[in-house]
Amino acid sequence: MNLARRTMNHPALAAVYERAWRPALFFAASGRTMGTDQRDAVAQLRLDGEQRVLDIACGPGNFTRYLSNALSGNGFAVGLDYSEPMLARAVLDNAGPRVGYLRGDAARLPFADGTFDAVCCFGALYLIPDPIAATREMVRVLAPGGRIAISTSVRDDSALGQVGKIVGGWSGLRVFPRRTFTDLFAELGLVDVEQQVHRLLQYVSATRPA
């Protein structure tokens, strides 16, 4: 297990991850606040009712709980993570009437095809051992007409991109070429593929045809 994954599984980090660690790191990497990311996530996933939402690598559940607040009626959000300390923190800090948490492997999701109306993974694919398999699983469990949204690292030929590549190699974080996920989404038959790049992070969303 590399440095990045060991760090994410440490109980001490789970306690401060969403309060300090993640906001500081993501603002440095993208110039965006967590509030901006959360509001954009709701918009990209088009949440506004009784949807079933899956949040992959949910960590301590801040995004999962936020997404659940956009739902109504029988809508619910499931946060899935492999880290027991992160899930324990999620249950403690981010429980709610339309949210639940589950320990699982992102590359082998324990759900039937087409279970969810929206699937997301924010700031974690670069940590998952097989991110392409995990992305394919996300699409598999996405219902026809559903939305998928991710944020992850991105590499380009700029000086900033080279810095990101060096830091990623040192820490164990993967840094993905710009077209990795846009091409994969297209290969998997998704449409309305959109990509935004903010400094060292990319945000990609798409729709599974009805």
N, C-alpha and C. Protein backbone atom coordinates (compact mmCIF):
# COMPACT_ATOMS: atom_id res chain seq x y z
N MET A 1 0.86 -1.19 0.00
CA MET A 1 0.00 0.00 0.00
C MET A 1 0.89 1.24 0.00
N ASN A 2 0.66 2.16 -0.94
CA ASN A 2 1.51 3.33 -1.05
C ASN A 2 1.20 4.36 0.05
N LEU A 3 2.01 5.43 0.07
CA LEU A 3 1.89 6.44 1.11
C LEU A 3 0.49 7.06 1.13
N ALA A 4 -0.03 7.39 -0.05
CA ALA A 4 -1.33 8.05 -0.11
C ALA A 4 -2.43 7.16 0.47
N ARG A 5 -2.45 5.88 0.11
CA ARG A 5 -3.50 4.99 0.59
C ARG A 5 -3.34 4.69 2.08
N ARG A 6 -2.10 4.57 2.57
CA ARG A 6 -1.89 4.37 4.01
C ARG A 6 -2.42 5.57 4.78
N THR A 7 -2.17 6.76 4.27
CA THR A 7 -2.62 7.97 4.93
C THR A 7 -4.15 8.01 5.00
N MET A 8 -4.81 7.66 3.90
CA MET A 8 -6.27 7.72 3.86
C MET A 8 -6.93 6.71 4.79
N ASN A 9 -6.22 5.66 5.17
CA ASN A 9 -6.77 4.64 6.06
C ASN A 9 -6.40 4.87 7.51
N HIS A 10 -5.77 6.00 7.82
CA HIS A 10 -5.36 6.27 9.19
C HIS A 10 -6.51 6.94 9.95
N PRO A 11 -6.85 6.44 11.16
CA PRO A 11 -7.96 7.02 11.92
C PRO A 11 -7.79 8.51 12.20
N ALA A 12 -6.56 8.97 12.41
CA ALA A 12 -6.36 10.38 12.71
C ALA A 12 -6.77 11.27 11.55
N LEU A 13 -6.51 10.83 10.32
CA LEU A 13 -6.89 11.62 9.16
C LEU A 13 -8.40 11.67 9.01
N ALA A 14 -9.08 10.56 9.29
CA ALA A 14 -10.53 10.53 9.15
C ALA A 14 -11.19 11.62 9.98
N ALA A 15 -10.60 11.94 11.14
CA ALA A 15 -11.19 12.93 12.04
C ALA A 15 -11.08 14.35 11.51
N VAL A 16 -10.08 14.63 10.68
CA VAL A 16 -9.86 16.01 10.23
C VAL A 16 -9.96 16.16 8.72
N TYR A 17 -10.23 15.07 8.02
CA TYR A 17 -10.13 15.08 6.55
C TYR A 17 -11.02 16.14 5.91
N GLU A 18 -12.31 16.14 6.18
CA GLU A 18 -13.21 17.08 5.53
C GLU A 18 -13.21 18.46 6.18
N ARG A 19 -12.71 18.56 7.39
CA ARG A 19 -12.69 19.86 8.06
C ARG A 19 -11.49 20.70 7.65
N ALA A 20 -10.36 20.06 7.39
CA ALA A 20 -9.15 20.84 7.12
C ALA A 20 -8.33 20.28 5.97
N TRP A 21 -8.03 18.98 6.00
CA TRP A 21 -7.11 18.38 5.03
C TRP A 21 -7.62 18.54 3.61
N ARG A 22 -8.82 18.03 3.34
CA ARG A 22 -9.33 18.07 1.97
C ARG A 22 -9.58 19.48 1.47
N PRO A 23 -10.23 20.36 2.25
CA PRO A 23 -10.44 21.72 1.73
C PRO A 23 -9.14 22.43 1.36
N ALA A 24 -8.10 22.27 2.18
CA ALA A 24 -6.83 22.94 1.89
C ALA A 24 -6.16 22.37 0.65
N LEU A 25 -6.09 21.04 0.56
CA LEU A 25 -5.42 20.41 -0.57
C LEU A 25 -6.16 20.67 -1.88
N PHE A 26 -7.48 20.56 -1.84
CA PHE A 26 -8.24 20.74 -3.08
C PHE A 26 -8.26 22.19 -3.53
N PHE A 27 -8.24 23.13 -2.59
CA PHE A 27 -8.16 24.53 -3.01
C PHE A 27 -6.81 24.80 -3.65
N ALA A 28 -5.74 24.23 -3.09
CA ALA A 28 -4.41 24.41 -3.69
C ALA A 28 -4.34 23.78 -5.07
N ALA A 29 -4.98 22.62 -5.24
CA ALA A 29 -4.89 21.89 -6.51
C ALA A 29 -5.80 22.46 -7.58
N SER A 30 -6.93 23.05 -7.19
CA SER A 30 -7.92 23.45 -8.19
C SER A 30 -8.36 24.91 -8.11
N GLY A 31 -8.10 25.58 -7.00
CA GLY A 31 -8.59 26.93 -6.82
C GLY A 31 -10.07 26.99 -6.49
N ARG A 32 -10.65 25.85 -6.12
CA ARG A 32 -12.08 25.75 -5.84
C ARG A 32 -12.30 25.37 -4.38
N THR A 33 -13.39 25.88 -3.82
CA THR A 33 -13.75 25.53 -2.45
C THR A 33 -14.61 24.27 -2.44
N MET A 34 -14.73 23.65 -1.28
CA MET A 34 -15.60 22.48 -1.16
C MET A 34 -17.05 22.83 -1.43
N GLY A 35 -17.47 24.02 -1.01
CA GLY A 35 -18.84 24.43 -1.26
C GLY A 35 -19.14 24.51 -2.75
N THR A 36 -18.20 25.04 -3.51
CA THR A 36 -18.36 25.11 -4.97
C THR A 36 -18.45 23.71 -5.55
N ASP A 37 -17.56 22.82 -5.12
CA ASP A 37 -17.58 21.44 -5.61
C ASP A 37 -18.90 20.75 -5.29
N GLN A 38 -19.40 20.95 -4.08
CA GLN A 38 -20.65 20.30 -3.68
C GLN A 38 -21.84 20.81 -4.49
N ARG A 39 -21.92 22.12 -4.67
CA ARG A 39 -23.03 22.67 -5.46
C ARG A 39 -22.95 22.20 -6.91
N ASP A 40 -21.74 22.16 -7.47
CA ASP A 40 -21.57 21.68 -8.84
C ASP A 40 -21.93 20.21 -8.96
N ALA A 41 -21.62 19.43 -7.92
CA ALA A 41 -21.95 18.00 -7.95
C ALA A 41 -23.46 17.80 -8.07
N VAL A 42 -24.23 18.53 -7.29
CA VAL A 42 -25.68 18.43 -7.37
C VAL A 42 -26.17 18.81 -8.76
N ALA A 43 -25.58 19.87 -9.33
CA ALA A 43 -25.99 20.30 -10.66
C ALA A 43 -25.59 19.29 -11.74
N GLN A 44 -24.36 18.77 -11.67
CA GLN A 44 -23.89 17.82 -12.67
C GLN A 44 -24.69 16.52 -12.63
N LEU A 45 -25.07 16.09 -11.43
CA LEU A 45 -25.85 14.86 -11.29
C LEU A 45 -27.34 15.09 -11.49
N ARG A 46 -27.74 16.36 -11.57
CA ARG A 46 -29.14 16.74 -11.80
C ARG A 46 -30.07 16.15 -10.74
N LEU A 47 -29.68 16.37 -9.49
CA LEU A 47 -30.46 15.84 -8.37
C LEU A 47 -31.59 16.78 -8.01
N ASP A 48 -32.81 16.24 -7.93
CA ASP A 48 -33.94 17.09 -7.57
C ASP A 48 -35.16 16.30 -7.15
N GLY A 49 -34.99 15.05 -6.74
CA GLY A 49 -36.19 14.30 -6.38
C GLY A 49 -35.88 12.96 -5.75
N GLU A 50 -36.55 11.93 -6.22
CA GLU A 50 -36.48 10.61 -5.60
C GLU A 50 -35.41 9.72 -6.24
N GLN A 51 -34.27 10.30 -6.56
CA GLN A 51 -33.21 9.51 -7.19
C GLN A 51 -32.47 8.64 -6.18
N ARG A 52 -31.86 7.60 -6.74
CA ARG A 52 -30.97 6.72 -5.97
C ARG A 52 -29.54 7.09 -6.36
N VAL A 53 -28.74 7.48 -5.38
CA VAL A 53 -27.41 8.04 -5.63
C VAL A 53 -26.35 7.16 -4.97
N LEU A 54 -25.26 6.92 -5.69
CA LEU A 54 -24.13 6.18 -5.15
C LEU A 54 -22.90 7.07 -5.18
N ASP A 55 -22.28 7.26 -4.02
CA ASP A 55 -21.07 8.07 -3.88
C ASP A 55 -19.90 7.14 -3.59
N ILE A 56 -19.04 6.92 -4.60
CA ILE A 56 -17.91 6.00 -4.48
C ILE A 56 -16.75 6.68 -3.76
N ALA A 57 -16.09 5.92 -2.86
CA ALA A 57 -14.97 6.44 -2.06
C ALA A 57 -15.44 7.68 -1.30
N CYS A 58 -16.48 7.50 -0.53
CA CYS A 58 -17.16 8.62 0.11
C CYS A 58 -16.40 9.23 1.27
N GLY A 59 -15.35 8.55 1.77
CA GLY A 59 -14.62 9.08 2.91
C GLY A 59 -15.54 9.28 4.11
N PRO A 60 -15.41 10.41 4.82
CA PRO A 60 -16.26 10.63 5.99
C PRO A 60 -17.66 11.14 5.69
N GLY A 61 -18.06 11.09 4.42
CA GLY A 61 -19.46 11.27 4.09
C GLY A 61 -19.98 12.67 3.88
N ASN A 62 -19.10 13.67 3.85
CA ASN A 62 -19.59 15.04 3.70
C ASN A 62 -20.31 15.26 2.37
N PHE A 63 -19.74 14.74 1.28
CA PHE A 63 -20.40 14.86 -0.01
C PHE A 63 -21.68 14.02 -0.04
N THR A 64 -21.63 12.82 0.50
CA THR A 64 -22.79 11.93 0.48
C THR A 64 -23.98 12.59 1.19
N ARG A 65 -23.73 13.11 2.35
CA ARG A 65 -24.80 13.78 3.11
C ARG A 65 -25.31 15.00 2.35
N TYR A 66 -24.42 15.78 1.78
CA TYR A 66 -24.81 16.97 1.02
C TYR A 66 -25.70 16.57 -0.16
N LEU A 67 -25.31 15.52 -0.89
CA LEU A 67 -26.11 15.06 -2.02
C LEU A 67 -27.49 14.60 -1.57
N SER A 68 -27.54 13.93 -0.43
CA SER A 68 -28.83 13.42 0.07
C SER A 68 -29.79 14.56 0.39
N ASN A 69 -29.24 15.72 0.75
CA ASN A 69 -30.09 16.86 1.09
C ASN A 69 -30.83 17.40 -0.13
N ALA A 70 -30.36 17.05 -1.34
CA ALA A 70 -31.02 17.50 -2.57
C ALA A 70 -32.15 16.56 -2.99
N LEU A 71 -32.30 15.46 -2.25
CA LEU A 71 -33.30 14.44 -2.61
C LEU A 71 -34.58 14.64 -1.81
N SER A 72 -35.64 13.96 -2.26
CA SER A 72 -36.92 14.05 -1.57
C SER A 72 -37.64 12.71 -1.67
N GLY A 73 -38.75 12.59 -0.97
CA GLY A 73 -39.55 11.38 -1.04
C GLY A 73 -38.75 10.14 -0.69
N ASN A 74 -38.73 9.17 -1.60
CA ASN A 74 -37.99 7.93 -1.38
C ASN A 74 -36.55 7.99 -1.89
N GLY A 75 -36.08 9.17 -2.25
CA GLY A 75 -34.69 9.30 -2.70
C GLY A 75 -33.72 8.99 -1.57
N PHE A 76 -32.57 8.43 -1.93
CA PHE A 76 -31.56 8.13 -0.92
C PHE A 76 -30.17 8.12 -1.56
N ALA A 77 -29.16 8.32 -0.73
CA ALA A 77 -27.77 8.32 -1.16
C ALA A 77 -27.00 7.27 -0.37
N VAL A 78 -26.20 6.48 -1.06
CA VAL A 78 -25.35 5.47 -0.44
C VAL A 78 -23.90 5.88 -0.62
N GLY A 79 -23.17 5.95 0.47
CA GLY A 79 -21.74 6.22 0.43
C GLY A 79 -20.98 4.92 0.59
N LEU A 80 -20.07 4.62 -0.32
CA LEU A 80 -19.27 3.40 -0.27
C LEU A 80 -17.80 3.75 -0.15
N ASP A 81 -17.11 3.08 0.77
CA ASP A 81 -15.68 3.32 0.95
C ASP A 81 -15.04 2.03 1.46
N TYR A 82 -13.72 1.90 1.24
CA TYR A 82 -13.00 0.72 1.72
C TYR A 82 -12.40 0.94 3.11
N SER A 83 -12.26 2.21 3.51
CA SER A 83 -11.60 2.54 4.77
C SER A 83 -12.57 2.49 5.94
N GLU A 84 -12.31 1.61 6.89
CA GLU A 84 -13.17 1.52 8.07
C GLU A 84 -13.15 2.80 8.90
N PRO A 85 -11.96 3.43 9.13
CA PRO A 85 -11.98 4.68 9.89
C PRO A 85 -12.80 5.78 9.22
N MET A 86 -12.72 5.88 7.89
CA MET A 86 -13.51 6.89 7.20
C MET A 86 -15.01 6.62 7.35
N LEU A 87 -15.41 5.36 7.22
CA LEU A 87 -16.83 5.03 7.35
C LEU A 87 -17.33 5.26 8.77
N ALA A 88 -16.50 4.95 9.75
CA ALA A 88 -16.89 5.20 11.13
C ALA A 88 -17.13 6.69 11.35
N ARG A 89 -16.27 7.52 10.77
CA ARG A 89 -16.45 8.97 10.88
C ARG A 89 -17.71 9.41 10.13
N ALA A 90 -17.99 8.79 8.97
CA ALA A 90 -19.19 9.14 8.20
C ALA A 90 -20.45 8.87 9.01
N VAL A 91 -20.52 7.71 9.65
CA VAL A 91 -21.69 7.37 10.46
C VAL A 91 -21.83 8.32 11.64
N LEU A 92 -20.71 8.73 12.21
CA LEU A 92 -20.74 9.62 13.37
C LEU A 92 -21.14 11.04 12.99
N ASP A 93 -20.57 11.54 11.88
CA ASP A 93 -20.72 12.96 11.54
C ASP A 93 -21.78 13.24 10.47
N ASN A 94 -22.08 12.26 9.62
CA ASN A 94 -22.90 12.57 8.45
C ASN A 94 -24.02 11.57 8.21
N ALA A 95 -24.63 11.11 9.30
CA ALA A 95 -25.84 10.31 9.17
C ALA A 95 -27.00 11.21 8.78
N GLY A 96 -28.08 10.61 8.29
CA GLY A 96 -29.24 11.40 7.92
C GLY A 96 -30.36 10.50 7.46
N PRO A 97 -31.55 11.05 7.28
CA PRO A 97 -32.73 10.24 6.93
C PRO A 97 -32.66 9.64 5.53
N ARG A 98 -31.85 10.20 4.65
CA ARG A 98 -31.77 9.69 3.28
C ARG A 98 -30.35 9.31 2.90
N VAL A 99 -29.56 8.88 3.87
CA VAL A 99 -28.18 8.52 3.58
C VAL A 99 -27.78 7.28 4.39
N GLY A 100 -26.96 6.42 3.78
CA GLY A 100 -26.43 5.25 4.45
C GLY A 100 -25.03 4.96 3.93
N TYR A 101 -24.28 4.14 4.66
CA TYR A 101 -22.88 3.88 4.31
C TYR A 101 -22.60 2.39 4.28
N LEU A 102 -21.66 2.02 3.40
CA LEU A 102 -21.36 0.62 3.15
C LEU A 102 -19.87 0.47 2.85
N ARG A 103 -19.25 -0.56 3.44
CA ARG A 103 -17.85 -0.86 3.11
C ARG A 103 -17.82 -1.77 1.90
N GLY A 104 -17.00 -1.42 0.91
CA GLY A 104 -16.93 -2.23 -0.28
C GLY A 104 -15.78 -1.83 -1.18
N ASP A 105 -15.55 -2.65 -2.20
CA ASP A 105 -14.49 -2.47 -3.18
C ASP A 105 -15.07 -1.79 -4.41
N ALA A 106 -14.52 -0.64 -4.77
CA ALA A 106 -15.04 0.11 -5.90
C ALA A 106 -14.93 -0.65 -7.21
N ALA A 107 -13.98 -1.57 -7.31
CA ALA A 107 -13.80 -2.35 -8.54
C ALA A 107 -14.72 -3.56 -8.62
N ARG A 108 -15.45 -3.85 -7.54
CA ARG A 108 -16.40 -4.97 -7.51
C ARG A 108 -17.62 -4.54 -6.69
N LEU A 109 -18.42 -3.69 -7.26
CA LEU A 109 -19.54 -3.12 -6.53
C LEU A 109 -20.61 -4.17 -6.25
N PRO A 110 -21.15 -4.21 -5.04
CA PRO A 110 -22.14 -5.22 -4.66
C PRO A 110 -23.56 -4.83 -5.02
N PHE A 111 -23.76 -4.35 -6.26
CA PHE A 111 -25.07 -3.90 -6.70
C PHE A 111 -25.37 -4.47 -8.08
N ALA A 112 -26.65 -4.65 -8.37
CA ALA A 112 -27.08 -5.12 -9.68
C ALA A 112 -26.91 -4.03 -10.73
N ASP A 113 -26.89 -4.43 -11.98
CA ASP A 113 -26.82 -3.48 -13.09
C ASP A 113 -27.97 -2.48 -12.98
N GLY A 114 -27.64 -1.21 -13.26
CA GLY A 114 -28.68 -0.18 -13.34
C GLY A 114 -29.38 0.16 -12.05
N THR A 115 -28.72 -0.05 -10.91
CA THR A 115 -29.36 0.19 -9.61
C THR A 115 -29.56 1.67 -9.31
N PHE A 116 -28.65 2.54 -9.77
CA PHE A 116 -28.63 3.93 -9.32
C PHE A 116 -28.93 4.91 -10.45
N ASP A 117 -29.61 5.99 -10.09
CA ASP A 117 -29.92 7.06 -11.03
C ASP A 117 -28.76 8.04 -11.18
N ALA A 118 -27.88 8.06 -10.22
CA ALA A 118 -26.71 8.94 -10.26
C ALA A 118 -25.57 8.25 -9.52
N VAL A 119 -24.37 8.33 -10.11
CA VAL A 119 -23.18 7.73 -9.51
C VAL A 119 -22.05 8.75 -9.59
N CYS A 120 -21.28 8.86 -8.52
CA CYS A 120 -20.19 9.84 -8.52
C CYS A 120 -18.98 9.32 -7.76
N CYS A 121 -17.85 9.93 -8.05
CA CYS A 121 -16.61 9.65 -7.32
C CYS A 121 -15.79 10.93 -7.37
N PHE A 122 -15.69 11.61 -6.25
CA PHE A 122 -15.03 12.90 -6.20
C PHE A 122 -13.71 12.81 -5.43
N GLY A 123 -12.63 13.07 -6.13
CA GLY A 123 -11.32 13.15 -5.49
C GLY A 123 -10.82 11.84 -4.94
N ALA A 124 -10.97 10.73 -5.68
CA ALA A 124 -10.52 9.45 -5.14
C ALA A 124 -10.01 8.47 -6.18
N LEU A 125 -10.35 8.63 -7.45
CA LEU A 125 -9.94 7.63 -8.44
C LEU A 125 -8.43 7.47 -8.51
N TYR A 126 -7.68 8.51 -8.20
CA TYR A 126 -6.22 8.41 -8.22
C TYR A 126 -5.67 7.57 -7.08
N LEU A 127 -6.52 7.22 -6.12
CA LEU A 127 -6.10 6.36 -5.00
C LEU A 127 -6.52 4.91 -5.18
N ILE A 128 -7.54 4.66 -5.99
CA ILE A 128 -8.10 3.32 -6.15
C ILE A 128 -7.14 2.45 -6.95
N PRO A 129 -6.86 1.22 -6.50
CA PRO A 129 -5.86 0.37 -7.17
C PRO A 129 -6.12 0.16 -8.66
N ASP A 130 -7.37 -0.02 -9.06
CA ASP A 130 -7.69 -0.19 -10.48
C ASP A 130 -8.78 0.82 -10.85
N PRO A 131 -8.40 2.05 -11.15
CA PRO A 131 -9.40 3.10 -11.38
C PRO A 131 -10.25 2.88 -12.63
N ILE A 132 -9.69 2.22 -13.64
CA ILE A 132 -10.47 1.97 -14.85
C ILE A 132 -11.56 0.93 -14.58
N ALA A 133 -11.21 -0.14 -13.85
CA ALA A 133 -12.21 -1.13 -13.47
C ALA A 133 -13.29 -0.49 -12.60
N ALA A 134 -12.89 0.39 -11.69
CA ALA A 134 -13.86 1.06 -10.84
C ALA A 134 -14.80 1.94 -11.66
N THR A 135 -14.27 2.62 -12.66
CA THR A 135 -15.11 3.48 -13.50
C THR A 135 -16.09 2.64 -14.31
N ARG A 136 -15.63 1.52 -14.83
CA ARG A 136 -16.53 0.63 -15.56
C ARG A 136 -17.65 0.12 -14.64
N GLU A 137 -17.32 -0.17 -13.40
CA GLU A 137 -18.34 -0.61 -12.44
C GLU A 137 -19.35 0.51 -12.16
N MET A 138 -18.87 1.73 -12.07
CA MET A 138 -19.77 2.85 -11.86
C MET A 138 -20.79 2.96 -12.99
N VAL A 139 -20.31 2.77 -14.22
CA VAL A 139 -21.22 2.83 -15.36
C VAL A 139 -22.17 1.63 -15.36
N ARG A 140 -21.67 0.47 -14.96
CA ARG A 140 -22.52 -0.74 -14.93
C ARG A 140 -23.72 -0.56 -14.03
N VAL A 141 -23.53 0.06 -12.87
CA VAL A 141 -24.63 0.18 -11.91
C VAL A 141 -25.48 1.42 -12.15
N LEU A 142 -25.14 2.19 -13.18
CA LEU A 142 -25.89 3.40 -13.52
C LEU A 142 -27.10 3.03 -14.38
N ALA A 143 -28.26 3.52 -14.00
CA ALA A 143 -29.49 3.23 -14.73
C ALA A 143 -29.54 4.01 -16.04
N PRO A 144 -30.26 3.49 -17.03
CA PRO A 144 -30.46 4.26 -18.26
C PRO A 144 -31.06 5.63 -17.95
N GLY A 145 -30.50 6.64 -18.59
CA GLY A 145 -30.93 8.01 -18.33
C GLY A 145 -30.23 8.64 -17.14
N GLY A 146 -29.40 7.86 -16.42
CA GLY A 146 -28.73 8.35 -15.22
C GLY A 146 -27.50 9.17 -15.53
N ARG A 147 -27.02 9.86 -14.51
CA ARG A 147 -25.86 10.74 -14.65
C ARG A 147 -24.68 10.21 -13.83
N ILE A 148 -23.48 10.39 -14.38
CA ILE A 148 -22.24 10.05 -13.68
C ILE A 148 -21.36 11.29 -13.64
N ALA A 149 -20.66 11.48 -12.52
CA ALA A 149 -19.76 12.62 -12.39
C ALA A 149 -18.55 12.21 -11.57
N ILE A 150 -17.37 12.63 -12.01
CA ILE A 150 -16.14 12.34 -11.28
C ILE A 150 -15.29 13.61 -11.21
N SER A 151 -14.43 13.66 -10.21
CA SER A 151 -13.32 14.61 -10.22
C SER A 151 -12.06 13.83 -9.85
N THR A 152 -10.99 14.12 -10.56
CA THR A 152 -9.73 13.41 -10.31
C THR A 152 -8.58 14.23 -10.87
N SER A 153 -7.39 13.69 -10.76
CA SER A 153 -6.19 14.39 -11.21
C SER A 153 -6.13 14.44 -12.74
N VAL A 154 -5.35 15.36 -13.25
CA VAL A 154 -5.17 15.48 -14.70
C VAL A 154 -3.73 15.91 -14.99
N ARG A 155 -3.20 15.40 -16.08
CA ARG A 155 -1.83 15.72 -16.47
C ARG A 155 -1.84 16.39 -17.84
N ASP A 156 -1.08 17.47 -17.97
CA ASP A 156 -0.85 18.07 -19.28
C ASP A 156 0.63 18.42 -19.40
N ASP A 157 0.98 19.12 -20.45
CA ASP A 157 2.39 19.40 -20.71
C ASP A 157 2.86 20.73 -20.13
N SER A 158 2.00 21.39 -19.40
CA SER A 158 2.40 22.67 -18.80
C SER A 158 3.34 22.43 -17.62
N ALA A 159 3.94 23.53 -17.14
CA ALA A 159 4.82 23.43 -15.98
C ALA A 159 4.05 22.94 -14.76
N LEU A 160 2.81 23.42 -14.61
CA LEU A 160 1.98 22.97 -13.48
C LEU A 160 1.68 21.49 -13.60
N GLY A 161 1.42 21.03 -14.82
CA GLY A 161 1.16 19.61 -15.04
C GLY A 161 2.35 18.75 -14.69
N GLN A 162 3.55 19.23 -14.99
CA GLN A 162 4.75 18.46 -14.65
C GLN A 162 4.96 18.40 -13.14
N VAL A 163 4.63 19.49 -12.45
CA VAL A 163 4.71 19.46 -10.99
C VAL A 163 3.76 18.42 -10.42
N GLY A 164 2.54 18.39 -10.94
CA GLY A 164 1.57 17.41 -10.50
C GLY A 164 2.04 15.99 -10.73
N LYS A 165 2.70 15.75 -11.85
CA LYS A 165 3.21 14.42 -12.16
C LYS A 165 4.28 14.00 -11.16
N ILE A 166 5.16 14.93 -10.81
CA ILE A 166 6.24 14.63 -9.85
C ILE A 166 5.67 14.34 -8.46
N VAL A 167 4.74 15.19 -8.02
CA VAL A 167 4.13 15.00 -6.70
C VAL A 167 3.35 13.69 -6.66
N GLY A 168 2.65 13.40 -7.74
CA GLY A 168 1.90 12.15 -7.79
C GLY A 168 2.80 10.94 -7.70
N GLY A 169 3.91 10.97 -8.42
CA GLY A 169 4.84 9.84 -8.37
C GLY A 169 5.44 9.64 -7.00
N TRP A 170 5.73 10.73 -6.31
CA TRP A 170 6.31 10.62 -4.97
C TRP A 170 5.31 10.07 -3.96
N SER A 171 4.05 10.50 -4.06
CA SER A 171 3.06 10.15 -3.04
C SER A 171 2.31 8.86 -3.34
N GLY A 172 2.35 8.41 -4.61
CA GLY A 172 1.57 7.25 -5.00
C GLY A 172 0.24 7.60 -5.63
N LEU A 173 -0.04 8.90 -5.80
CA LEU A 173 -1.27 9.33 -6.46
C LEU A 173 -1.10 9.21 -7.98
N ARG A 174 -2.07 8.61 -8.65
CA ARG A 174 -2.02 8.56 -10.11
C ARG A 174 -2.38 9.94 -10.68
N VAL A 175 -1.73 10.28 -11.77
CA VAL A 175 -2.05 11.51 -12.48
C VAL A 175 -2.43 11.12 -13.90
N PHE A 176 -3.69 11.35 -14.26
CA PHE A 176 -4.25 10.80 -15.50
C PHE A 176 -4.09 11.75 -16.68
N PRO A 177 -3.79 11.20 -17.85
CA PRO A 177 -3.84 12.03 -19.07
C PRO A 177 -5.22 12.64 -19.25
N ARG A 178 -5.26 13.77 -19.90
CA ARG A 178 -6.50 14.55 -20.01
C ARG A 178 -7.65 13.77 -20.64
N ARG A 179 -7.38 12.88 -21.57
CA ARG A 179 -8.45 12.20 -22.31
C ARG A 179 -8.83 10.83 -21.73
N THR A 180 -8.21 10.42 -20.64
CA THR A 180 -8.46 9.08 -20.10
C THR A 180 -9.95 8.83 -19.89
N PHE A 181 -10.61 9.71 -19.17
CA PHE A 181 -11.99 9.43 -18.77
C PHE A 181 -13.00 9.90 -19.81
N THR A 182 -12.71 10.94 -20.56
CA THR A 182 -13.61 11.31 -21.65
C THR A 182 -13.66 10.20 -22.69
N ASP A 183 -12.51 9.64 -23.01
CA ASP A 183 -12.48 8.53 -23.98
C ASP A 183 -13.15 7.29 -23.42
N LEU A 184 -12.92 7.00 -22.14
CA LEU A 184 -13.53 5.81 -21.53
C LEU A 184 -15.05 5.95 -21.49
N PHE A 185 -15.54 7.11 -21.12
CA PHE A 185 -16.99 7.32 -21.11
C PHE A 185 -17.59 7.11 -22.50
N ALA A 186 -16.92 7.64 -23.52
CA ALA A 186 -17.42 7.46 -24.88
C ALA A 186 -17.39 5.99 -25.28
N GLU A 187 -16.30 5.28 -24.91
CA GLU A 187 -16.19 3.86 -25.22
C GLU A 187 -17.32 3.06 -24.58
N LEU A 188 -17.74 3.48 -23.39
CA LEU A 188 -18.79 2.77 -22.67
C LEU A 188 -20.19 3.20 -23.10
N GLY A 189 -20.28 4.04 -24.12
CA GLY A 189 -21.56 4.41 -24.68
C GLY A 189 -22.25 5.58 -24.02
N LEU A 190 -21.55 6.31 -23.16
CA LEU A 190 -22.17 7.47 -22.52
C LEU A 190 -22.22 8.64 -23.48
N VAL A 191 -23.15 9.55 -23.23
CA VAL A 191 -23.33 10.72 -24.07
C VAL A 191 -23.29 11.98 -23.21
N ASP A 192 -23.33 13.14 -23.88
CA ASP A 192 -23.27 14.43 -23.17
C ASP A 192 -22.04 14.51 -22.27
N VAL A 193 -20.91 13.99 -22.76
CA VAL A 193 -19.68 13.99 -21.97
C VAL A 193 -19.14 15.42 -21.88
N GLU A 194 -18.94 15.90 -20.67
CA GLU A 194 -18.41 17.24 -20.45
C GLU A 194 -17.20 17.17 -19.53
N GLN A 195 -16.20 17.99 -19.83
CA GLN A 195 -14.98 18.02 -19.03
C GLN A 195 -14.58 19.46 -18.74
N GLN A 196 -14.25 19.72 -17.48
CA GLN A 196 -13.68 20.99 -17.08
C GLN A 196 -12.37 20.71 -16.36
N VAL A 197 -11.35 21.50 -16.62
CA VAL A 197 -10.06 21.35 -15.96
C VAL A 197 -9.77 22.60 -15.15
N HIS A 198 -9.48 22.40 -13.87
CA HIS A 198 -9.12 23.48 -12.98
C HIS A 198 -7.76 23.14 -12.36
N ARG A 199 -6.72 23.79 -12.86
CA ARG A 199 -5.36 23.54 -12.38
C ARG A 199 -4.98 22.07 -12.52
N LEU A 200 -4.89 21.35 -11.40
CA LEU A 200 -4.43 19.96 -11.42
C LEU A 200 -5.58 18.95 -11.35
N LEU A 201 -6.82 19.44 -11.38
CA LEU A 201 -7.97 18.54 -11.28
C LEU A 201 -8.88 18.66 -12.49
N GLN A 202 -9.48 17.55 -12.87
CA GLN A 202 -10.47 17.54 -13.94
C GLN A 202 -11.81 17.09 -13.38
N TYR A 203 -12.88 17.64 -13.94
CA TYR A 203 -14.24 17.30 -13.57
C TYR A 203 -14.93 16.81 -14.84
N VAL A 204 -15.41 15.56 -14.83
CA VAL A 204 -16.00 14.96 -16.01
C VAL A 204 -17.37 14.41 -15.64
N SER A 205 -18.37 14.69 -16.48
CA SER A 205 -19.71 14.19 -16.26
C SER A 205 -20.28 13.68 -17.58
N ALA A 206 -21.28 12.81 -17.49
CA ALA A 206 -21.88 12.22 -18.69
C ALA A 206 -23.23 11.59 -18.34
N THR A 207 -23.94 11.18 -19.37
CA THR A 207 -25.27 10.56 -19.23
C THR A 207 -25.27 9.18 -19.87
N ARG A 208 -25.92 8.22 -19.21
CA ARG A 208 -26.15 6.93 -19.85
C ARG A 208 -27.44 7.01 -20.65
N PRO A 209 -27.39 6.72 -21.95
CA PRO A 209 -28.58 6.87 -22.78
C PRO A 209 -29.77 6.08 -22.22
N ALA A 210 -30.94 6.66 -22.34
CA ALA A 210 -32.16 6.00 -21.88
C ALA A 210 -32.49 4.82 -22.77
